[in-house]
Each structure stands twice: as structure tokens, then as C-alpha cells.
Amino acid sequence: MAELIFRTGTMDAGKSTLALQTNHNHAARGRRGRLFTSHDRAGTAMVSSRLGLVADAEEVAPDFDFWRYTVDALTRGARIDYVICDEAQFYTAEQIDQLAKVVDELQIDVFCFGILTDFRTRLFPGSARLVELADRTEVLQVEALCWCGKRATHNARTENGVMVTEGEVIVVGDVDAADHPPAAVDDVEVAYEVLCRQHHRRGMTAARARAVSLSPEPLPFT
């Protein structure tokens, strides 16, 4: 029986890497699938991993209809054994319903990868609907770490180096790192950082911890 599977984790937990690996594994066994994404940090219509892997994909706009797309493709004689949806948190609730219909009515496996909550700690609509509908919801076992060494559970957004908890939900950026400079949005440098709940609540980013401790690096544990 086909399944709707949701694999989730914080930023930097390897979701896109696993999406690409899943696509490779199924294709290697002769299965044919379609790859979808939305607002990937590398640009439009592509799935990219921080390990350097990149693949072309279909971009999912708010008006994209998974059911119509799949039925049209099958009607034209295409073969679709599975569908992989990266950045599924950005999909609408209606699009998740369409994916569930693809699974149930067409018996096509759907693998979704995405973040559960935004930088405000609120559930993304797409992720919330996936939790409600998925046959299986799996938390990725590769754990991203907060600067303190604890397991990271929350995604923080910084603007010009300061953590914020208000603003537009969708602002594309990457986890703050030396080789990934912050994105500039209206002359504001936007970056993301994964934190444990305690330090997200306190607004204590790695940069702020360094400033408070007056040492080159924060202590490994609080």
C-alpha cells in the first residue's frame, strides 16, 4: 500500500540530503519519481543540500495543484511510482490534502521533508496538516546542535545579528555559517540559527553568548 510519509527536523538536520538520497535509492531500483520543492535556499526549482548535492525539481507555488499535475502526467502516459516533496512546510494545507489524495486514489508513495515550526515557534500550516494526515511522521535522527551542545529544537531568525520573533514567516536564508553569509532583504541581513528551547526563549544566540561571556567561544554547556 502507498503511504504519505513526513520526515521532519530542525534546520541543519539533513532533510534535503535525505530527500535527495531517497530519490537516488528509489531511482536506482528502477522506480520513477518526481521531485518538488519550494523556496530552496539555492534558488527556484532545485533541491540543494549543504553537503553540495543539487538536483532539479518542480517549484511549488501557492496555486500549484498536485492532484491535477499527477493526473495530467499519468494521462499523457508518464510513469510515476513515487513523489518527493522537499521544504514541505511551505506548502498550503490544501496542497497536503492533494498529496494525500494522490496516495489514496493513485497508490503513489509520497515522501515529504520539512520543518515543523517557524522562527516564532509556531507550526507551519503545511507541516501541521502533514502531522494530521501522514501515515507516518518521523523525526530525523541526525540531531542539529545548539551552540551550548544541547540538541537543537528551535529555529531562530536573526536580523543584522539580533534575534527576532516577529516578521514575515517566509524569508529565505541559511543557517548562519562562515561560508554562508547572511542574505540581504531590504538592506537587512537575515540569517538563521538552530537553538535549544532554553536559549531560544532567552534569545541567546551564539554571537550574544560570546559577547556576554567576553570569551572567543561560549562554554560547551550552560
N, C-alpha and C. Protein backbone atom coordinates (compact mmCIF):
# COMPACT_ATOMS: atom_id res chain seq x y z
N MET A 1 0.83 -1.19 0.00
CA MET A 1 0.00 0.00 0.00
C MET A 1 0.87 1.25 0.00
N ALA A 2 0.48 2.25 -0.78
CA ALA A 2 1.22 3.50 -0.82
C ALA A 2 1.04 4.25 0.50
N GLU A 3 2.03 5.10 0.83
CA GLU A 3 2.00 5.83 2.09
C GLU A 3 2.35 7.30 1.88
N LEU A 4 1.85 8.13 2.79
CA LEU A 4 2.24 9.52 2.90
C LEU A 4 3.14 9.61 4.12
N ILE A 5 4.42 9.89 3.90
CA ILE A 5 5.40 9.89 4.98
C ILE A 5 5.97 11.29 5.16
N PHE A 6 6.02 11.75 6.40
CA PHE A 6 6.55 13.07 6.72
C PHE A 6 7.80 12.90 7.59
N ARG A 7 8.94 13.36 7.08
CA ARG A 7 10.19 13.31 7.83
C ARG A 7 10.60 14.74 8.18
N THR A 8 10.76 14.99 9.46
CA THR A 8 10.95 16.36 9.91
C THR A 8 12.14 16.51 10.84
N GLY A 9 12.63 17.73 10.94
CA GLY A 9 13.74 18.06 11.82
C GLY A 9 13.98 19.55 11.72
N THR A 10 14.86 20.07 12.57
CA THR A 10 15.19 21.49 12.51
C THR A 10 16.03 21.78 11.27
N MET A 11 16.30 23.04 11.04
CA MET A 11 17.27 23.39 10.01
C MET A 11 18.59 22.73 10.36
N ASP A 12 19.36 22.38 9.34
CA ASP A 12 20.68 21.78 9.53
C ASP A 12 20.62 20.33 10.01
N ALA A 13 19.45 19.69 9.90
CA ALA A 13 19.32 18.30 10.34
C ALA A 13 19.46 17.31 9.19
N GLY A 14 19.66 17.81 7.96
CA GLY A 14 19.89 16.91 6.84
C GLY A 14 18.66 16.50 6.07
N LYS A 15 17.59 17.29 6.13
CA LYS A 15 16.35 16.91 5.45
C LYS A 15 16.51 16.85 3.93
N SER A 16 17.12 17.88 3.34
CA SER A 16 17.29 17.90 1.89
C SER A 16 18.26 16.81 1.43
N THR A 17 19.28 16.56 2.24
CA THR A 17 20.21 15.47 1.93
C THR A 17 19.48 14.15 1.87
N LEU A 18 18.60 13.92 2.86
CA LEU A 18 17.83 12.67 2.90
C LEU A 18 16.83 12.61 1.75
N ALA A 19 16.25 13.75 1.38
CA ALA A 19 15.33 13.78 0.25
C ALA A 19 16.03 13.34 -1.03
N LEU A 20 17.23 13.88 -1.25
CA LEU A 20 18.00 13.51 -2.44
C LEU A 20 18.45 12.06 -2.38
N GLN A 21 18.82 11.59 -1.20
CA GLN A 21 19.24 10.20 -1.05
C GLN A 21 18.06 9.25 -1.30
N THR A 22 16.89 9.64 -0.80
CA THR A 22 15.69 8.82 -1.02
C THR A 22 15.38 8.73 -2.51
N ASN A 23 15.48 9.86 -3.20
CA ASN A 23 15.25 9.87 -4.64
C ASN A 23 16.26 8.96 -5.35
N HIS A 24 17.52 9.04 -4.96
CA HIS A 24 18.56 8.20 -5.57
C HIS A 24 18.28 6.71 -5.33
N ASN A 25 17.92 6.36 -4.10
CA ASN A 25 17.70 4.95 -3.76
C ASN A 25 16.55 4.35 -4.56
N HIS A 26 15.47 5.10 -4.70
CA HIS A 26 14.33 4.58 -5.45
C HIS A 26 14.62 4.50 -6.94
N ALA A 27 15.29 5.55 -7.47
CA ALA A 27 15.63 5.55 -8.89
C ALA A 27 16.59 4.42 -9.22
N ALA A 28 17.50 4.10 -8.29
CA ALA A 28 18.46 3.03 -8.51
C ALA A 28 17.78 1.67 -8.62
N ARG A 29 16.58 1.55 -8.09
CA ARG A 29 15.84 0.29 -8.18
C ARG A 29 14.83 0.30 -9.34
N GLY A 30 15.00 1.27 -10.24
CA GLY A 30 14.16 1.30 -11.43
C GLY A 30 12.83 2.00 -11.26
N ARG A 31 12.61 2.61 -10.10
CA ARG A 31 11.37 3.34 -9.89
C ARG A 31 11.50 4.75 -10.47
N ARG A 32 10.40 5.30 -10.90
CA ARG A 32 10.41 6.64 -11.49
C ARG A 32 9.60 7.59 -10.61
N GLY A 33 10.19 8.72 -10.31
CA GLY A 33 9.52 9.65 -9.41
C GLY A 33 9.63 11.09 -9.87
N ARG A 34 9.02 11.97 -9.11
CA ARG A 34 9.06 13.41 -9.35
C ARG A 34 9.53 14.09 -8.07
N LEU A 35 10.34 15.13 -8.26
CA LEU A 35 10.93 15.86 -7.14
C LEU A 35 10.36 17.27 -7.11
N PHE A 36 9.87 17.69 -5.94
CA PHE A 36 9.26 19.01 -5.78
C PHE A 36 9.93 19.77 -4.63
N THR A 37 9.87 21.08 -4.71
CA THR A 37 10.42 21.90 -3.62
C THR A 37 9.75 23.27 -3.65
N SER A 38 10.07 24.07 -2.64
CA SER A 38 9.55 25.44 -2.58
C SER A 38 10.52 26.29 -1.77
N HIS A 39 10.92 27.42 -2.33
CA HIS A 39 11.80 28.38 -1.64
C HIS A 39 13.10 27.74 -1.16
N ASP A 40 13.71 26.94 -1.99
CA ASP A 40 15.01 26.38 -1.62
C ASP A 40 16.04 27.51 -1.53
N ARG A 41 16.97 27.39 -0.59
CA ARG A 41 17.95 28.47 -0.38
C ARG A 41 18.85 28.69 -1.59
N ALA A 42 18.97 27.67 -2.47
CA ALA A 42 19.85 27.78 -3.63
C ALA A 42 19.17 28.42 -4.83
N GLY A 43 17.84 28.59 -4.77
CA GLY A 43 17.15 29.21 -5.89
C GLY A 43 15.87 28.46 -6.26
N THR A 44 15.27 28.89 -7.35
CA THR A 44 13.99 28.32 -7.79
C THR A 44 14.18 26.98 -8.50
N ALA A 45 13.24 26.07 -8.24
CA ALA A 45 13.17 24.78 -8.95
C ALA A 45 14.42 23.93 -8.77
N MET A 46 14.92 23.85 -7.56
CA MET A 46 16.04 22.95 -7.27
C MET A 46 16.03 22.56 -5.81
N VAL A 47 16.54 21.36 -5.55
CA VAL A 47 16.74 20.88 -4.18
C VAL A 47 18.24 20.86 -3.94
N SER A 48 18.68 21.53 -2.88
CA SER A 48 20.11 21.59 -2.59
C SER A 48 20.38 21.15 -1.16
N SER A 49 21.51 20.49 -1.00
CA SER A 49 21.96 20.02 0.31
C SER A 49 23.20 20.79 0.70
N ARG A 50 23.38 20.97 2.01
CA ARG A 50 24.59 21.65 2.49
C ARG A 50 25.85 20.83 2.22
N LEU A 51 25.67 19.57 1.86
CA LEU A 51 26.82 18.73 1.50
C LEU A 51 27.26 18.96 0.06
N GLY A 52 26.51 19.80 -0.66
CA GLY A 52 26.88 20.12 -2.04
C GLY A 52 26.07 19.42 -3.10
N LEU A 53 25.13 18.57 -2.71
CA LEU A 53 24.29 17.87 -3.67
C LEU A 53 23.18 18.80 -4.17
N VAL A 54 22.90 18.75 -5.46
CA VAL A 54 21.86 19.59 -6.06
C VAL A 54 21.12 18.77 -7.11
N ALA A 55 19.81 18.97 -7.20
CA ALA A 55 19.01 18.30 -8.24
C ALA A 55 17.90 19.24 -8.69
N ASP A 56 17.55 19.15 -9.97
CA ASP A 56 16.45 19.93 -10.50
C ASP A 56 15.13 19.41 -9.92
N ALA A 57 14.18 20.31 -9.75
CA ALA A 57 12.89 19.94 -9.19
C ALA A 57 11.80 20.84 -9.74
N GLU A 58 10.57 20.49 -9.46
CA GLU A 58 9.43 21.33 -9.80
C GLU A 58 9.20 22.30 -8.63
N GLU A 59 9.08 23.59 -8.94
CA GLU A 59 8.81 24.58 -7.90
C GLU A 59 7.32 24.58 -7.57
N VAL A 60 7.01 24.55 -6.28
CA VAL A 60 5.62 24.52 -5.82
C VAL A 60 5.19 25.94 -5.42
N ALA A 61 4.40 26.57 -6.27
CA ALA A 61 3.82 27.87 -5.97
C ALA A 61 2.52 27.66 -5.19
N PRO A 62 2.01 28.70 -4.55
CA PRO A 62 0.77 28.55 -3.75
C PRO A 62 -0.42 28.02 -4.54
N ASP A 63 -0.45 28.25 -5.86
CA ASP A 63 -1.59 27.78 -6.66
C ASP A 63 -1.31 26.45 -7.35
N PHE A 64 -0.19 25.81 -7.04
CA PHE A 64 0.14 24.53 -7.67
C PHE A 64 -0.83 23.46 -7.18
N ASP A 65 -1.27 22.60 -8.10
CA ASP A 65 -2.23 21.54 -7.77
C ASP A 65 -1.57 20.18 -8.01
N PHE A 66 -1.23 19.49 -6.93
CA PHE A 66 -0.55 18.20 -7.04
C PHE A 66 -1.45 17.16 -7.70
N TRP A 67 -2.72 17.17 -7.38
CA TRP A 67 -3.63 16.18 -7.95
C TRP A 67 -3.75 16.36 -9.46
N ARG A 68 -3.97 17.59 -9.90
CA ARG A 68 -4.11 17.85 -11.33
C ARG A 68 -2.81 17.56 -12.06
N TYR A 69 -1.68 17.96 -11.48
CA TYR A 69 -0.37 17.71 -12.10
C TYR A 69 -0.16 16.21 -12.31
N THR A 70 -0.45 15.42 -11.29
CA THR A 70 -0.20 13.99 -11.36
C THR A 70 -1.14 13.30 -12.33
N VAL A 71 -2.41 13.64 -12.27
CA VAL A 71 -3.39 13.04 -13.19
C VAL A 71 -3.06 13.39 -14.63
N ASP A 72 -2.71 14.64 -14.88
CA ASP A 72 -2.35 15.05 -16.24
C ASP A 72 -1.14 14.27 -16.76
N ALA A 73 -0.12 14.11 -15.88
CA ALA A 73 1.09 13.39 -16.28
C ALA A 73 0.78 11.93 -16.60
N LEU A 74 -0.02 11.29 -15.76
CA LEU A 74 -0.39 9.89 -15.99
C LEU A 74 -1.23 9.75 -17.25
N THR A 75 -2.10 10.71 -17.49
CA THR A 75 -2.95 10.67 -18.68
C THR A 75 -2.11 10.75 -19.95
N ARG A 76 -1.01 11.49 -19.89
CA ARG A 76 -0.11 11.62 -21.04
C ARG A 76 0.82 10.43 -21.18
N GLY A 77 0.69 9.45 -20.30
CA GLY A 77 1.48 8.23 -20.41
C GLY A 77 2.71 8.18 -19.54
N ALA A 78 2.91 9.17 -18.67
CA ALA A 78 4.08 9.17 -17.79
C ALA A 78 3.91 8.09 -16.71
N ARG A 79 5.03 7.67 -16.21
CA ARG A 79 5.03 6.71 -15.10
C ARG A 79 5.53 7.43 -13.85
N ILE A 80 4.75 7.36 -12.80
CA ILE A 80 5.15 7.98 -11.52
C ILE A 80 4.93 6.95 -10.41
N ASP A 81 6.03 6.48 -9.84
CA ASP A 81 5.94 5.50 -8.77
C ASP A 81 6.01 6.15 -7.39
N TYR A 82 6.63 7.32 -7.32
CA TYR A 82 6.76 8.00 -6.03
C TYR A 82 6.94 9.49 -6.26
N VAL A 83 6.65 10.26 -5.23
CA VAL A 83 6.80 11.72 -5.25
C VAL A 83 7.59 12.13 -4.02
N ILE A 84 8.58 13.00 -4.22
CA ILE A 84 9.38 13.51 -3.10
C ILE A 84 9.16 15.02 -3.02
N CYS A 85 8.77 15.48 -1.84
CA CYS A 85 8.44 16.89 -1.62
C CYS A 85 9.36 17.47 -0.55
N ASP A 86 10.31 18.28 -0.97
CA ASP A 86 11.19 18.94 -0.02
C ASP A 86 10.61 20.30 0.36
N GLU A 87 11.04 20.84 1.49
CA GLU A 87 10.54 22.13 2.00
C GLU A 87 9.02 22.12 2.09
N ALA A 88 8.47 21.00 2.55
CA ALA A 88 7.02 20.82 2.57
C ALA A 88 6.33 21.75 3.55
N GLN A 89 7.09 22.34 4.47
CA GLN A 89 6.47 23.27 5.40
C GLN A 89 5.87 24.48 4.69
N PHE A 90 6.39 24.79 3.50
CA PHE A 90 5.91 25.96 2.75
C PHE A 90 4.69 25.66 1.90
N TYR A 91 4.26 24.40 1.83
CA TYR A 91 3.09 24.06 1.05
C TYR A 91 1.83 24.48 1.81
N THR A 92 0.75 24.70 1.09
CA THR A 92 -0.51 25.04 1.74
C THR A 92 -1.17 23.77 2.28
N ALA A 93 -2.10 23.96 3.21
CA ALA A 93 -2.84 22.82 3.75
C ALA A 93 -3.60 22.11 2.63
N GLU A 94 -4.11 22.87 1.67
CA GLU A 94 -4.85 22.28 0.55
C GLU A 94 -3.92 21.40 -0.30
N GLN A 95 -2.68 21.81 -0.46
CA GLN A 95 -1.74 21.01 -1.24
C GLN A 95 -1.39 19.71 -0.52
N ILE A 96 -1.34 19.74 0.80
CA ILE A 96 -1.11 18.50 1.54
C ILE A 96 -2.30 17.56 1.38
N ASP A 97 -3.50 18.11 1.36
CA ASP A 97 -4.69 17.29 1.10
C ASP A 97 -4.61 16.65 -0.29
N GLN A 98 -4.11 17.41 -1.26
CA GLN A 98 -3.94 16.87 -2.61
C GLN A 98 -2.94 15.72 -2.63
N LEU A 99 -1.86 15.86 -1.88
CA LEU A 99 -0.87 14.79 -1.81
C LEU A 99 -1.46 13.53 -1.18
N ALA A 100 -2.28 13.72 -0.15
CA ALA A 100 -2.94 12.56 0.47
C ALA A 100 -3.86 11.87 -0.53
N LYS A 101 -4.52 12.64 -1.36
CA LYS A 101 -5.41 12.07 -2.38
C LYS A 101 -4.60 11.30 -3.42
N VAL A 102 -3.42 11.82 -3.77
CA VAL A 102 -2.54 11.12 -4.71
C VAL A 102 -2.17 9.74 -4.16
N VAL A 103 -1.88 9.69 -2.87
CA VAL A 103 -1.52 8.42 -2.22
C VAL A 103 -2.71 7.46 -2.24
N ASP A 104 -3.86 7.94 -1.78
CA ASP A 104 -5.02 7.07 -1.59
C ASP A 104 -5.67 6.64 -2.90
N GLU A 105 -5.79 7.56 -3.85
CA GLU A 105 -6.53 7.27 -5.08
C GLU A 105 -5.66 6.71 -6.19
N LEU A 106 -4.37 7.08 -6.20
CA LEU A 106 -3.48 6.65 -7.28
C LEU A 106 -2.42 5.66 -6.82
N GLN A 107 -2.37 5.40 -5.52
CA GLN A 107 -1.41 4.45 -4.95
C GLN A 107 0.03 4.81 -5.32
N ILE A 108 0.36 6.08 -5.13
CA ILE A 108 1.71 6.58 -5.37
C ILE A 108 2.30 7.00 -4.02
N ASP A 109 3.48 6.51 -3.70
CA ASP A 109 4.14 6.88 -2.44
C ASP A 109 4.54 8.35 -2.47
N VAL A 110 4.31 9.05 -1.37
CA VAL A 110 4.71 10.45 -1.24
C VAL A 110 5.58 10.60 0.00
N PHE A 111 6.79 11.13 -0.21
CA PHE A 111 7.73 11.37 0.88
C PHE A 111 7.90 12.87 1.04
N CYS A 112 7.53 13.40 2.20
CA CYS A 112 7.64 14.83 2.46
C CYS A 112 8.73 15.10 3.49
N PHE A 113 9.46 16.18 3.27
CA PHE A 113 10.54 16.58 4.17
C PHE A 113 10.35 18.05 4.51
N GLY A 114 10.42 18.39 5.80
CA GLY A 114 10.23 19.78 6.16
C GLY A 114 10.42 20.07 7.63
N ILE A 115 10.38 21.34 7.95
CA ILE A 115 10.50 21.83 9.31
C ILE A 115 9.11 21.88 9.94
N LEU A 116 9.02 21.59 11.23
CA LEU A 116 7.73 21.66 11.91
C LEU A 116 7.31 23.09 12.21
N THR A 117 8.20 23.87 12.84
CA THR A 117 7.82 25.19 13.32
C THR A 117 8.70 26.28 12.74
N ASP A 118 8.15 27.50 12.68
CA ASP A 118 8.89 28.63 12.16
C ASP A 118 9.72 29.29 13.26
N PHE A 119 10.31 30.45 12.96
CA PHE A 119 11.19 31.12 13.92
C PHE A 119 10.43 31.68 15.12
N ARG A 120 9.07 31.70 15.02
CA ARG A 120 8.24 32.14 16.14
C ARG A 120 7.80 30.98 17.02
N THR A 121 8.25 29.77 16.68
CA THR A 121 7.87 28.51 17.33
C THR A 121 6.43 28.12 17.03
N ARG A 122 5.87 28.62 15.92
CA ARG A 122 4.52 28.26 15.50
C ARG A 122 4.58 27.23 14.38
N LEU A 123 3.63 26.30 14.38
CA LEU A 123 3.58 25.30 13.32
C LEU A 123 3.33 25.94 11.96
N PHE A 124 4.11 25.52 10.97
CA PHE A 124 3.80 25.90 9.59
C PHE A 124 2.48 25.22 9.20
N PRO A 125 1.62 25.88 8.43
CA PRO A 125 0.36 25.25 8.01
C PRO A 125 0.57 23.92 7.28
N GLY A 126 1.55 23.87 6.38
CA GLY A 126 1.81 22.63 5.66
C GLY A 126 2.24 21.51 6.58
N SER A 127 3.11 21.82 7.52
CA SER A 127 3.59 20.80 8.47
C SER A 127 2.48 20.35 9.40
N ALA A 128 1.66 21.29 9.85
CA ALA A 128 0.54 20.94 10.72
C ALA A 128 -0.40 19.95 10.03
N ARG A 129 -0.68 20.21 8.75
CA ARG A 129 -1.58 19.32 8.02
C ARG A 129 -0.93 17.96 7.78
N LEU A 130 0.36 17.95 7.57
CA LEU A 130 1.06 16.67 7.41
C LEU A 130 0.99 15.84 8.68
N VAL A 131 1.17 16.47 9.82
CA VAL A 131 1.07 15.74 11.09
C VAL A 131 -0.33 15.14 11.24
N GLU A 132 -1.32 15.87 10.76
CA GLU A 132 -2.71 15.39 10.86
C GLU A 132 -3.00 14.25 9.89
N LEU A 133 -2.36 14.24 8.73
CA LEU A 133 -2.75 13.29 7.68
C LEU A 133 -1.75 12.17 7.41
N ALA A 134 -0.49 12.38 7.72
CA ALA A 134 0.55 11.42 7.31
C ALA A 134 0.34 10.04 7.92
N ASP A 135 0.66 9.02 7.14
CA ASP A 135 0.64 7.66 7.68
C ASP A 135 1.73 7.48 8.72
N ARG A 136 2.85 8.16 8.48
CA ARG A 136 3.96 8.13 9.43
C ARG A 136 4.64 9.48 9.50
N THR A 137 4.94 9.93 10.71
CA THR A 137 5.74 11.13 10.92
C THR A 137 7.00 10.71 11.67
N GLU A 138 8.14 10.99 11.06
CA GLU A 138 9.41 10.54 11.62
C GLU A 138 10.32 11.75 11.87
N VAL A 139 10.89 11.81 13.07
CA VAL A 139 11.86 12.86 13.39
C VAL A 139 13.24 12.35 12.99
N LEU A 140 13.96 13.13 12.23
CA LEU A 140 15.27 12.71 11.76
C LEU A 140 16.21 12.45 12.92
N GLN A 141 16.98 11.40 12.81
CA GLN A 141 17.88 11.01 13.89
C GLN A 141 19.18 11.79 13.90
N VAL A 142 19.49 12.48 12.80
CA VAL A 142 20.68 13.34 12.79
C VAL A 142 20.30 14.63 13.51
N GLU A 143 20.87 14.85 14.69
CA GLU A 143 20.48 15.98 15.51
C GLU A 143 21.35 17.20 15.26
N ALA A 144 20.71 18.31 14.94
CA ALA A 144 21.44 19.58 14.91
C ALA A 144 21.66 20.02 16.35
N LEU A 145 22.74 20.74 16.59
CA LEU A 145 23.10 21.12 17.95
C LEU A 145 23.05 22.62 18.16
N CYS A 146 22.55 23.01 19.31
CA CYS A 146 22.62 24.40 19.76
C CYS A 146 24.08 24.72 20.07
N TRP A 147 24.41 26.02 20.13
CA TRP A 147 25.79 26.40 20.44
C TRP A 147 26.26 25.88 21.79
N CYS A 148 25.29 25.60 22.69
CA CYS A 148 25.66 25.13 24.04
C CYS A 148 25.95 23.64 24.07
N GLY A 149 25.66 22.93 22.98
CA GLY A 149 25.91 21.49 22.94
C GLY A 149 24.67 20.65 23.08
N LYS A 150 23.56 21.26 23.50
CA LYS A 150 22.31 20.51 23.61
C LYS A 150 21.70 20.29 22.23
N ARG A 151 20.75 19.36 22.18
CA ARG A 151 20.03 19.12 20.93
C ARG A 151 19.23 20.36 20.56
N ALA A 152 19.37 20.82 19.33
CA ALA A 152 18.62 21.98 18.86
C ALA A 152 17.20 21.57 18.51
N THR A 153 16.23 22.31 19.00
CA THR A 153 14.82 22.01 18.76
C THR A 153 14.08 23.16 18.11
N HIS A 154 14.70 24.34 18.04
CA HIS A 154 14.02 25.53 17.53
C HIS A 154 14.88 26.24 16.49
N ASN A 155 14.20 26.89 15.55
CA ASN A 155 14.87 27.66 14.51
C ASN A 155 14.76 29.15 14.85
N ALA A 156 15.88 29.81 14.97
CA ALA A 156 15.89 31.24 15.29
C ALA A 156 16.26 32.04 14.06
N ARG A 157 15.63 33.21 13.91
CA ARG A 157 15.98 34.13 12.84
C ARG A 157 16.68 35.35 13.44
N THR A 158 17.76 35.78 12.80
CA THR A 158 18.44 37.00 13.23
C THR A 158 18.39 38.02 12.10
N GLU A 159 18.24 39.27 12.48
CA GLU A 159 18.28 40.37 11.53
C GLU A 159 19.37 41.33 11.99
N ASN A 160 20.36 41.49 11.13
CA ASN A 160 21.55 42.29 11.49
C ASN A 160 22.16 41.79 12.80
N GLY A 161 22.14 40.46 12.96
CA GLY A 161 22.77 39.85 14.12
C GLY A 161 21.93 39.76 15.36
N VAL A 162 20.70 40.30 15.34
CA VAL A 162 19.83 40.30 16.51
C VAL A 162 18.66 39.35 16.28
N MET A 163 18.41 38.48 17.25
CA MET A 163 17.31 37.53 17.12
C MET A 163 15.98 38.24 17.16
N VAL A 164 15.06 37.83 16.25
CA VAL A 164 13.73 38.42 16.18
C VAL A 164 12.67 37.33 16.28
N THR A 165 11.49 37.70 16.74
CA THR A 165 10.38 36.75 16.86
C THR A 165 9.12 37.26 16.17
N GLU A 166 9.27 38.30 15.36
CA GLU A 166 8.15 38.82 14.59
C GLU A 166 8.62 39.12 13.18
N GLY A 167 7.68 39.11 12.23
CA GLY A 167 8.03 39.42 10.85
C GLY A 167 7.40 38.44 9.89
N GLU A 168 7.73 38.57 8.60
CA GLU A 168 7.23 37.67 7.57
C GLU A 168 7.66 36.24 7.87
N VAL A 169 6.74 35.30 7.70
CA VAL A 169 7.05 33.91 8.01
C VAL A 169 8.08 33.35 7.04
N ILE A 170 7.93 33.65 5.74
CA ILE A 170 8.83 33.09 4.73
C ILE A 170 9.83 34.14 4.30
N VAL A 171 11.05 34.01 4.78
CA VAL A 171 12.19 34.80 4.33
C VAL A 171 13.32 33.81 4.13
N VAL A 172 13.73 33.61 2.88
CA VAL A 172 14.70 32.57 2.57
C VAL A 172 16.08 32.98 3.08
N GLY A 173 16.72 32.05 3.77
CA GLY A 173 18.07 32.26 4.26
C GLY A 173 18.66 30.93 4.63
N ASP A 174 19.87 30.94 5.17
CA ASP A 174 20.52 29.70 5.53
C ASP A 174 20.98 29.78 6.98
N VAL A 175 21.32 28.61 7.53
CA VAL A 175 21.89 28.59 8.86
C VAL A 175 23.18 29.39 8.85
N ASP A 176 23.34 30.30 9.80
CA ASP A 176 24.48 31.20 9.82
C ASP A 176 25.78 30.42 9.92
N ALA A 177 26.67 30.64 8.96
CA ALA A 177 27.97 29.97 8.94
C ALA A 177 28.94 30.84 8.17
N ALA A 178 30.21 30.59 8.38
CA ALA A 178 31.23 31.42 7.75
C ALA A 178 31.16 31.36 6.24
N ASP A 179 30.82 30.18 5.69
CA ASP A 179 30.78 30.04 4.24
C ASP A 179 29.39 30.31 3.67
N HIS A 180 28.44 30.73 4.51
CA HIS A 180 27.12 31.11 4.05
C HIS A 180 26.78 32.48 4.63
N PRO A 181 27.22 33.56 4.00
CA PRO A 181 26.93 34.89 4.52
C PRO A 181 25.43 35.16 4.57
N PRO A 182 24.98 35.99 5.51
CA PRO A 182 23.55 36.27 5.63
C PRO A 182 22.97 36.84 4.34
N ALA A 183 21.71 36.52 4.09
CA ALA A 183 21.02 37.08 2.93
C ALA A 183 20.61 38.51 3.24
N ALA A 184 20.62 39.35 2.24
CA ALA A 184 20.21 40.75 2.41
C ALA A 184 18.79 40.92 1.91
N VAL A 185 17.89 41.35 2.80
CA VAL A 185 16.49 41.60 2.45
C VAL A 185 16.17 43.02 2.87
N ASP A 186 15.96 43.91 1.87
CA ASP A 186 15.69 45.32 2.16
C ASP A 186 16.78 45.90 3.06
N ASP A 187 18.03 45.61 2.70
CA ASP A 187 19.20 46.11 3.43
C ASP A 187 19.31 45.55 4.85
N VAL A 188 18.56 44.51 5.15
CA VAL A 188 18.65 43.84 6.45
C VAL A 188 19.27 42.47 6.24
N GLU A 189 20.32 42.16 6.99
CA GLU A 189 20.98 40.86 6.88
C GLU A 189 20.19 39.83 7.68
N VAL A 190 19.63 38.85 6.95
CA VAL A 190 18.80 37.82 7.58
C VAL A 190 19.55 36.50 7.59
N ALA A 191 19.61 35.89 8.76
CA ALA A 191 20.26 34.59 8.90
C ALA A 191 19.45 33.74 9.87
N TYR A 192 19.77 32.46 9.92
CA TYR A 192 19.07 31.55 10.82
C TYR A 192 20.07 30.78 11.66
N GLU A 193 19.62 30.37 12.83
CA GLU A 193 20.47 29.61 13.75
C GLU A 193 19.58 28.64 14.51
N VAL A 194 20.06 27.43 14.72
CA VAL A 194 19.28 26.46 15.49
C VAL A 194 19.69 26.54 16.96
N LEU A 195 18.69 26.52 17.84
CA LEU A 195 18.91 26.67 19.27
C LEU A 195 18.10 25.64 20.05
N CYS A 196 18.52 25.36 21.27
CA CYS A 196 17.69 24.56 22.16
C CYS A 196 16.56 25.46 22.65
N ARG A 197 15.54 24.88 23.28
CA ARG A 197 14.40 25.67 23.71
C ARG A 197 14.80 26.75 24.71
N GLN A 198 15.66 26.38 25.63
CA GLN A 198 16.07 27.33 26.67
C GLN A 198 16.68 28.59 26.07
N HIS A 199 17.60 28.42 25.13
CA HIS A 199 18.27 29.58 24.58
C HIS A 199 17.42 30.31 23.55
N HIS A 200 16.47 29.60 22.92
CA HIS A 200 15.53 30.31 22.05
C HIS A 200 14.63 31.21 22.90
N ARG A 201 14.16 30.70 24.03
CA ARG A 201 13.32 31.50 24.92
C ARG A 201 14.06 32.74 25.41
N ARG A 202 15.35 32.61 25.66
CA ARG A 202 16.14 33.72 26.18
C ARG A 202 16.67 34.64 25.08
N GLY A 203 16.51 34.19 23.82
CA GLY A 203 17.08 34.97 22.73
C GLY A 203 18.60 34.95 22.74
N MET A 204 19.15 33.87 23.24
CA MET A 204 20.60 33.77 23.42
C MET A 204 21.23 33.04 22.23
N THR A 205 21.61 33.78 21.23
CA THR A 205 22.30 33.21 20.08
C THR A 205 23.77 33.01 20.42
N ALA A 206 24.49 32.33 19.54
CA ALA A 206 25.91 32.10 19.77
C ALA A 206 26.68 33.42 19.86
N ALA A 207 26.31 34.37 18.98
CA ALA A 207 27.01 35.66 18.99
C ALA A 207 26.76 36.40 20.30
N ARG A 208 25.52 36.37 20.78
CA ARG A 208 25.22 37.06 22.04
C ARG A 208 25.91 36.38 23.21
N ALA A 209 25.98 35.03 23.17
CA ALA A 209 26.66 34.31 24.23
C ALA A 209 28.14 34.68 24.28
N ARG A 210 28.76 34.83 23.10
CA ARG A 210 30.16 35.23 23.08
C ARG A 210 30.35 36.63 23.65
N ALA A 211 29.41 37.51 23.32
CA ALA A 211 29.52 38.88 23.82
C ALA A 211 29.35 38.94 25.33
N VAL A 212 28.41 38.15 25.84
CA VAL A 212 28.16 38.16 27.29
C VAL A 212 29.31 37.53 28.05
N SER A 213 29.85 36.44 27.51
CA SER A 213 30.92 35.73 28.22
C SER A 213 32.26 36.41 28.06
N LEU A 214 32.36 37.32 27.04
CA LEU A 214 33.62 38.01 26.78
C LEU A 214 34.76 37.04 26.50
N SER A 215 34.40 35.89 25.92
CA SER A 215 35.41 34.90 25.56
C SER A 215 35.24 34.59 24.08
N PRO A 216 36.27 34.05 23.41
CA PRO A 216 36.17 33.77 21.97
C PRO A 216 35.04 32.85 21.61
N GLU A 217 34.76 31.87 22.45
CA GLU A 217 33.70 30.91 22.18
C GLU A 217 32.90 30.69 23.45
N PRO A 218 31.57 30.49 23.35
CA PRO A 218 30.77 30.20 24.54
C PRO A 218 31.17 28.85 25.11
N LEU A 219 30.88 28.66 26.40
CA LEU A 219 31.16 27.38 27.02
C LEU A 219 30.31 26.30 26.35
N PRO A 220 30.78 25.05 26.31
CA PRO A 220 30.04 24.00 25.61
C PRO A 220 28.71 23.67 26.25
N PHE A 221 28.57 23.94 27.56
CA PHE A 221 27.30 23.64 28.24
C PHE A 221 26.97 24.78 29.17
N THR A 222 25.66 25.01 29.36
CA THR A 222 25.23 26.06 30.29
C THR A 222 25.22 25.52 31.70
